[in-house]
Amino acid sequence: MSKKIEVSGPSPFGSSSGVFEAEIFITATKPSDDNISNQKFDSLWKDTFHLTASNGGFFETLGSDNNPIPDKVFRYDSVWIIVKDQFSASHVLFEFDVSEKVKNIESSNATSKPSINKKQIPLRPRPGPRGYIGPPGEKGRSGNIGPPGDKGDKGDKGPVGDKGEKGDTGHTGDKGDKGVTGSSGDKGKTGETGSSGIQGDKGIQGPIGDKGDKGVTGPIGNKGDKGTQGPVGDKGLTGISGPQGEKVTGIPLLEGQRTVVENPTAYVCREYVCDLPVTEPDQLSNQMLQLCSH
């Protein structure tokens, strides 16, 4: 026959009455509230119940054929009973005197005799498990609006509030029509000449202007006396073309001009127009003379 214990005590659900889902534990020592909330304690026995609570208390039989109370529980003089709500941290904890309960059971077994022809009072059946909460019903119609109450007395005038912050500036209005021009006033005296201002920084030099048009060719000089014509010489062989002369740099007017066959080359220019390059002193003298005669 399985061993059982009948216990009664305060309900973890306060003064509420009904059937609640609960767990009941038996422990050898008293655990702290934090350990109970986190279930960090060693239990000698535990089981789940549809706990019937009424007026802040409960009565329950612990142990069953499938989950009997172990013998080691009855070796203690007292144990601790923990009743905990399965869906929250609510719980109660109280000490249970095992030895006194066992004595009462033994005394009851020793003195009790089977009753004959006595009326048996049937025990009230235990309620079944608590059903699921149904969905909320539809909201009822709103009641009629009651008549408005009498208007209350006018309250005292409150103190003047603090001055509010300055508002944003409004948009500028449209420009008005121009007024009639008044008559010209008398001319005022000439004011004193002010002191000369500080000379400004020199401006950035502008780019070089475009090359001007070629000047008019001067008149042809007097023709010299014709020299005695010498004999016609044999035509010489065509020489090898010389290398291209070096490009003149550093003088804007001569940009793009070149030396003639790597010989010293002179350019005579006037009014940004240059004559053909020459490499012989006599040629240079003639061009200079023509330049000076103009």
Protein backbone atom coordinates (compact mmCIF):
# COMPACT_ATOMS: atom_id res chain seq x y z
CA MET A 1 0.00 0.00 0.00
CA SER A 2 1.44 3.43 -1.00
CA LYS A 3 2.27 5.92 1.75
CA LYS A 4 0.45 9.22 1.79
CA ILE A 5 0.39 12.42 3.80
CA GLU A 6 -2.60 14.67 4.34
CA VAL A 7 -1.63 18.33 4.62
CA SER A 8 -3.50 21.61 4.99
CA GLY A 9 -2.18 25.14 5.05
CA PRO A 10 -2.37 28.64 3.61
CA SER A 11 -3.08 29.01 -0.12
CA PRO A 12 -0.52 30.71 -2.43
CA PHE A 13 -3.49 32.31 -4.23
CA GLY A 14 -4.50 34.58 -1.34
CA SER A 15 -8.16 34.76 -0.48
CA SER A 16 -9.23 33.54 -3.95
CA SER A 17 -11.35 30.40 -4.07
CA GLY A 18 -11.37 27.89 -6.88
CA VAL A 19 -9.23 25.24 -8.54
CA PHE A 20 -5.67 26.24 -9.46
CA GLU A 21 -2.72 24.58 -11.17
CA ALA A 22 -0.01 24.12 -8.52
CA GLU A 23 3.13 22.14 -7.66
CA ILE A 24 3.79 20.77 -4.16
CA PHE A 25 7.34 19.93 -2.99
CA ILE A 26 8.67 18.23 0.15
CA THR A 27 12.18 19.33 1.23
CA ALA A 28 14.40 18.41 4.20
CA THR A 29 15.63 21.99 4.72
CA LYS A 30 14.04 25.42 4.38
CA PRO A 31 14.98 27.04 1.02
CA SER A 32 15.12 30.81 0.44
CA ASP A 33 12.43 32.67 -1.51
CA ASP A 34 14.87 33.31 -4.37
CA ASN A 35 15.72 29.62 -4.61
CA ILE A 36 12.01 28.77 -4.63
CA SER A 37 11.30 31.30 -7.42
CA ASN A 38 14.19 29.91 -9.50
CA GLN A 39 13.53 26.28 -8.35
CA LYS A 40 17.13 25.89 -7.17
CA PHE A 41 16.55 23.53 -4.26
CA ASP A 42 16.64 19.78 -3.62
CA SER A 43 13.28 18.10 -3.05
CA LEU A 44 12.51 14.74 -1.40
CA TRP A 45 9.24 14.47 -3.35
CA LYS A 46 7.11 16.59 -5.71
CA ASP A 47 3.94 16.37 -7.80
CA THR A 48 1.48 18.60 -9.69
CA PHE A 49 -2.11 19.16 -8.49
CA HIS A 50 -5.42 20.73 -9.40
CA LEU A 51 -5.38 22.47 -6.03
CA THR A 52 -8.72 23.37 -4.50
CA ALA A 53 -8.40 26.61 -2.49
CA SER A 54 -11.13 28.15 -0.33
CA ASN A 55 -11.07 31.21 1.94
CA GLY A 56 -7.27 31.48 1.80
CA GLY A 57 -6.52 27.82 2.68
CA PHE A 58 -6.28 24.38 1.10
CA PHE A 59 -6.38 20.68 2.01
CA GLU A 60 -4.61 18.03 -0.08
CA THR A 61 -3.46 14.40 0.12
CA LEU A 62 0.16 13.94 -0.96
CA GLY A 63 1.31 10.66 -2.51
CA SER A 64 -0.33 8.20 -4.86
CA ASP A 65 0.14 4.68 -6.19
CA ASN A 66 2.08 6.11 -9.13
CA ASN A 67 4.07 8.59 -7.04
CA PRO A 68 4.17 7.43 -3.39
CA ILE A 69 5.88 9.34 -0.57
CA PRO A 70 9.37 7.77 -0.18
CA ASP A 71 10.34 6.14 3.16
CA LYS A 72 13.15 8.65 3.74
CA VAL A 73 10.54 11.39 4.28
CA PHE A 74 9.25 9.54 7.38
CA ARG A 75 12.76 9.37 8.89
CA TYR A 76 12.63 13.14 9.54
CA ASP A 77 10.88 14.63 12.54
CA SER A 78 9.70 17.50 10.34
CA VAL A 79 9.92 18.53 6.70
CA TRP A 80 9.11 21.69 4.70
CA ILE A 81 6.09 21.85 2.40
CA ILE A 82 6.27 24.22 -0.61
CA VAL A 83 3.09 25.01 -2.56
CA LYS A 84 3.86 26.96 -5.78
CA ASP A 85 1.69 28.35 -8.59
CA GLN A 86 2.70 26.76 -11.89
CA PHE A 87 2.28 29.99 -13.87
CA SER A 88 3.78 32.61 -11.54
CA ALA A 89 6.27 33.05 -8.70
CA SER A 90 3.51 32.95 -6.04
CA HIS A 91 4.20 30.34 -3.35
CA VAL A 92 3.80 29.47 0.34
CA LEU A 93 6.25 27.64 2.62
CA PHE A 94 5.48 26.01 6.00
CA GLU A 95 6.99 23.35 8.26
CA PHE A 96 5.20 20.00 8.61
CA ASP A 97 5.65 17.74 11.69
CA VAL A 98 6.05 14.24 10.27
CA SER A 99 6.55 12.38 13.60
CA GLU A 100 3.36 13.82 15.11
CA LYS A 101 1.41 12.91 12.01
CA VAL A 102 2.74 9.32 12.08
CA LYS A 103 1.81 8.96 15.81
CA ASN A 104 -1.71 10.13 15.13
CA ILE A 105 -2.05 7.68 12.27
CA GLU A 106 -0.72 4.76 14.40
CA SER A 107 -2.97 5.68 17.34
CA SER A 108 -5.94 5.89 15.04
CA ASN A 109 -5.17 2.46 13.53
CA ALA A 110 -4.74 0.85 16.99
CA THR A 111 -8.01 2.08 18.51
CA SER A 112 -10.27 2.06 15.50
CA LYS A 113 -12.69 -0.77 15.02
CA PRO A 114 -14.67 -1.63 11.97
CA SER A 115 -18.15 -0.18 12.22
CA ILE A 116 -21.09 -2.41 11.43
CA ASN A 117 -24.43 -1.26 10.08
CA LYS A 118 -23.38 2.36 10.23
CA LYS A 119 -24.49 4.77 7.65
CA GLN A 120 -21.65 5.69 5.31
CA ILE A 121 -21.45 9.35 4.35
CA PRO A 122 -20.28 9.67 0.76
CA LEU A 123 -17.37 12.03 0.25
CA ARG A 124 -17.87 14.97 -2.03
CA PRO A 125 -16.19 14.19 -5.36
CA ARG A 126 -13.05 16.19 -6.14
CA PRO A 127 -13.55 18.77 -8.85
CA GLY A 128 -12.04 18.07 -12.25
CA PRO A 129 -9.19 20.04 -13.84
CA ARG A 130 -9.71 23.70 -14.46
CA GLY A 131 -10.91 24.38 -17.98
CA TYR A 132 -9.42 26.89 -20.40
CA ILE A 133 -10.57 30.48 -20.17
CA GLY A 134 -13.05 31.16 -22.95
CA PRO A 135 -12.79 34.14 -25.31
CA PRO A 136 -14.23 37.44 -24.07
CA GLY A 137 -17.83 38.08 -24.96
CA GLU A 138 -18.98 40.80 -27.29
CA LYS A 139 -19.05 44.30 -25.91
CA GLY A 140 -22.52 45.36 -24.86
CA ARG A 141 -24.29 48.38 -26.22
CA SER A 142 -23.44 51.75 -24.79
CA GLY A 143 -25.98 53.07 -22.32
CA ASN A 144 -27.98 56.21 -22.91
CA ILE A 145 -26.16 59.44 -22.22
CA GLY A 146 -27.42 61.01 -19.03
CA PRO A 147 -28.64 64.59 -18.87
CA PRO A 148 -25.93 67.22 -18.47
CA GLY A 149 -25.31 68.40 -14.95
CA ASP A 150 -25.86 71.91 -13.71
CA LYS A 151 -23.22 74.40 -14.68
CA GLY A 152 -20.78 74.97 -11.84
CA ASP A 153 -19.84 78.33 -10.39
CA LYS A 154 -17.22 80.29 -12.24
CA GLY A 155 -13.82 79.63 -10.74
CA ASP A 156 -11.47 82.29 -9.48
CA LYS A 157 -9.35 83.96 -12.09
CA GLY A 158 -5.93 82.36 -12.18
CA PRO A 159 -2.67 84.28 -11.95
CA VAL A 160 -1.23 85.86 -15.09
CA GLY A 161 1.02 83.37 -16.84
CA ASP A 162 4.62 83.99 -17.81
CA LYS A 163 5.23 85.96 -20.94
CA GLY A 164 5.54 83.62 -23.93
CA GLU A 165 8.51 83.47 -26.20
CA LYS A 166 8.76 85.96 -29.05
CA GLY A 167 7.04 84.67 -32.17
CA ASP A 168 8.72 84.20 -35.50
CA THR A 169 9.20 87.30 -37.66
CA GLY A 170 6.46 87.59 -40.27
CA HIS A 171 7.07 87.69 -44.00
CA THR A 172 8.20 90.99 -45.51
CA GLY A 173 5.28 92.87 -47.02
CA ASP A 174 5.04 93.95 -50.65
CA LYS A 175 7.09 96.96 -51.65
CA GLY A 176 5.03 100.16 -51.71
CA ASP A 177 4.64 102.44 -54.70
CA LYS A 178 7.46 104.87 -55.35
CA GLY A 179 6.77 108.33 -53.95
CA VAL A 180 6.80 111.56 -55.97
CA THR A 181 10.33 112.82 -56.57
CA GLY A 182 10.94 116.00 -54.62
CA SER A 183 12.59 119.13 -56.02
CA SER A 184 16.36 119.11 -56.21
CA GLY A 185 18.04 120.70 -53.25
CA ASP A 186 20.77 123.31 -53.45
CA LYS A 187 24.16 121.97 -54.34
CA GLY A 188 26.26 121.56 -51.27
CA LYS A 189 29.76 122.82 -50.83
CA THR A 190 32.55 120.66 -52.14
CA GLY A 191 33.93 118.62 -49.33
CA GLU A 192 37.55 118.46 -48.42
CA THR A 193 39.63 116.11 -50.45
CA GLY A 194 40.25 112.96 -48.54
CA SER A 195 43.66 111.47 -47.98
CA SER A 196 45.00 109.16 -50.65
CA GLY A 197 44.21 105.56 -50.05
CA ILE A 198 46.78 102.83 -49.74
CA GLN A 199 48.09 101.71 -53.10
CA GLY A 200 46.50 98.45 -54.10
CA ASP A 201 48.38 95.30 -54.94
CA LYS A 202 49.71 94.96 -58.45
CA GLY A 203 47.28 93.14 -60.68
CA ILE A 204 48.04 89.84 -62.31
CA GLN A 205 49.76 90.23 -65.66
CA GLY A 206 47.38 89.49 -68.48
CA PRO A 207 48.05 86.92 -71.16
CA ILE A 208 50.17 87.84 -74.26
CA GLY A 209 48.04 89.27 -77.03
CA ASP A 210 47.48 87.62 -80.38
CA LYS A 211 50.21 88.02 -83.00
CA GLY A 212 49.63 91.13 -85.14
CA ASP A 213 49.22 91.20 -88.91
CA LYS A 214 52.38 91.14 -91.01
CA GLY A 215 53.62 94.63 -91.84
CA VAL A 216 53.82 96.11 -95.33
CA THR A 217 56.92 95.02 -97.25
CA GLY A 218 59.34 97.93 -97.69
CA PRO A 219 60.41 99.27 -101.09
CA ILE A 220 63.00 97.37 -103.08
CA GLY A 221 66.44 98.88 -102.79
CA ASN A 222 68.45 100.27 -105.71
CA LYS A 223 69.78 97.65 -108.00
CA GLY A 224 73.54 97.35 -107.90
CA ASP A 225 75.84 97.24 -110.87
CA LYS A 226 75.76 94.02 -112.65
CA GLY A 227 78.89 92.01 -112.17
CA THR A 228 80.74 90.16 -114.81
CA GLN A 229 79.03 86.93 -115.37
CA GLY A 230 81.26 84.01 -114.65
CA PRO A 231 81.22 80.76 -116.44
CA VAL A 232 78.49 78.34 -115.50
CA GLY A 233 79.87 75.69 -113.25
CA ASP A 234 79.02 72.07 -113.25
CA LYS A 235 75.97 71.20 -111.20
CA GLY A 236 77.04 69.67 -107.95
CA LEU A 237 75.59 66.62 -106.31
CA THR A 238 72.60 67.11 -104.04
CA GLY A 239 73.82 67.01 -100.50
CA ILE A 240 72.33 65.04 -97.70
CA SER A 241 69.58 66.91 -95.87
CA GLY A 242 70.83 68.24 -92.56
CA PRO A 243 69.13 67.55 -89.25
CA GLN A 244 66.25 69.69 -88.07
CA GLY A 245 67.37 72.77 -86.16
CA GLU A 246 66.72 73.26 -82.45
CA LYS A 247 63.50 74.92 -81.37
CA VAL A 248 63.94 78.41 -79.98
CA THR A 249 62.54 78.80 -76.41
CA GLY A 250 62.42 81.55 -73.81
CA ILE A 251 61.28 84.39 -76.16
CA PRO A 252 57.50 84.56 -76.71
CA LEU A 253 57.85 86.19 -80.17
CA LEU A 254 60.14 83.36 -81.39
CA GLU A 255 58.11 80.49 -79.95
CA GLY A 256 57.96 77.77 -82.61
CA GLN A 257 60.99 79.11 -84.64
CA ARG A 258 64.00 76.87 -85.22
CA THR A 259 67.69 77.20 -85.99
CA VAL A 260 68.84 76.54 -89.53
CA VAL A 261 70.88 73.32 -89.82
CA GLU A 262 72.26 73.67 -86.29
CA ASN A 263 73.97 77.00 -87.25
CA PRO A 264 73.66 80.20 -85.25
CA THR A 265 70.46 81.73 -86.61
CA ALA A 266 69.29 85.35 -86.41
CA TYR A 267 65.75 86.73 -86.72
CA VAL A 268 65.19 90.45 -87.41
CA CYS A 269 61.72 91.49 -86.21
CA ARG A 270 59.75 94.74 -86.12
CA GLU A 271 56.26 95.33 -84.83
CA TYR A 272 55.97 91.66 -83.91
CA VAL A 273 56.76 90.56 -87.49
CA CYS A 274 60.04 88.68 -88.22
CA ASP A 275 61.97 88.40 -91.47
CA LEU A 276 63.34 85.12 -92.75
CA PRO A 277 66.11 83.65 -90.60
CA VAL A 278 69.76 84.25 -91.66
CA THR A 279 72.93 82.44 -90.69
CA GLU A 280 75.58 84.69 -92.35
CA PRO A 281 76.82 88.02 -90.94
CA ASP A 282 76.41 89.78 -94.33
CA GLN A 283 72.79 88.70 -94.52
CA LEU A 284 72.17 89.96 -91.00
CA SER A 285 73.81 93.36 -91.82
CA ASN A 286 71.59 93.85 -94.87
CA GLN A 287 68.44 93.15 -92.83
CA MET A 288 69.57 95.53 -90.11
CA LEU A 289 70.23 98.28 -92.63
CA GLN A 290 66.77 97.82 -94.11
CA LEU A 291 65.30 97.97 -90.58
CA CYS A 292 67.09 101.23 -89.80
CA SER A 293 66.10 102.87 -93.10
CA HIS A 294 62.38 102.60 -92.22
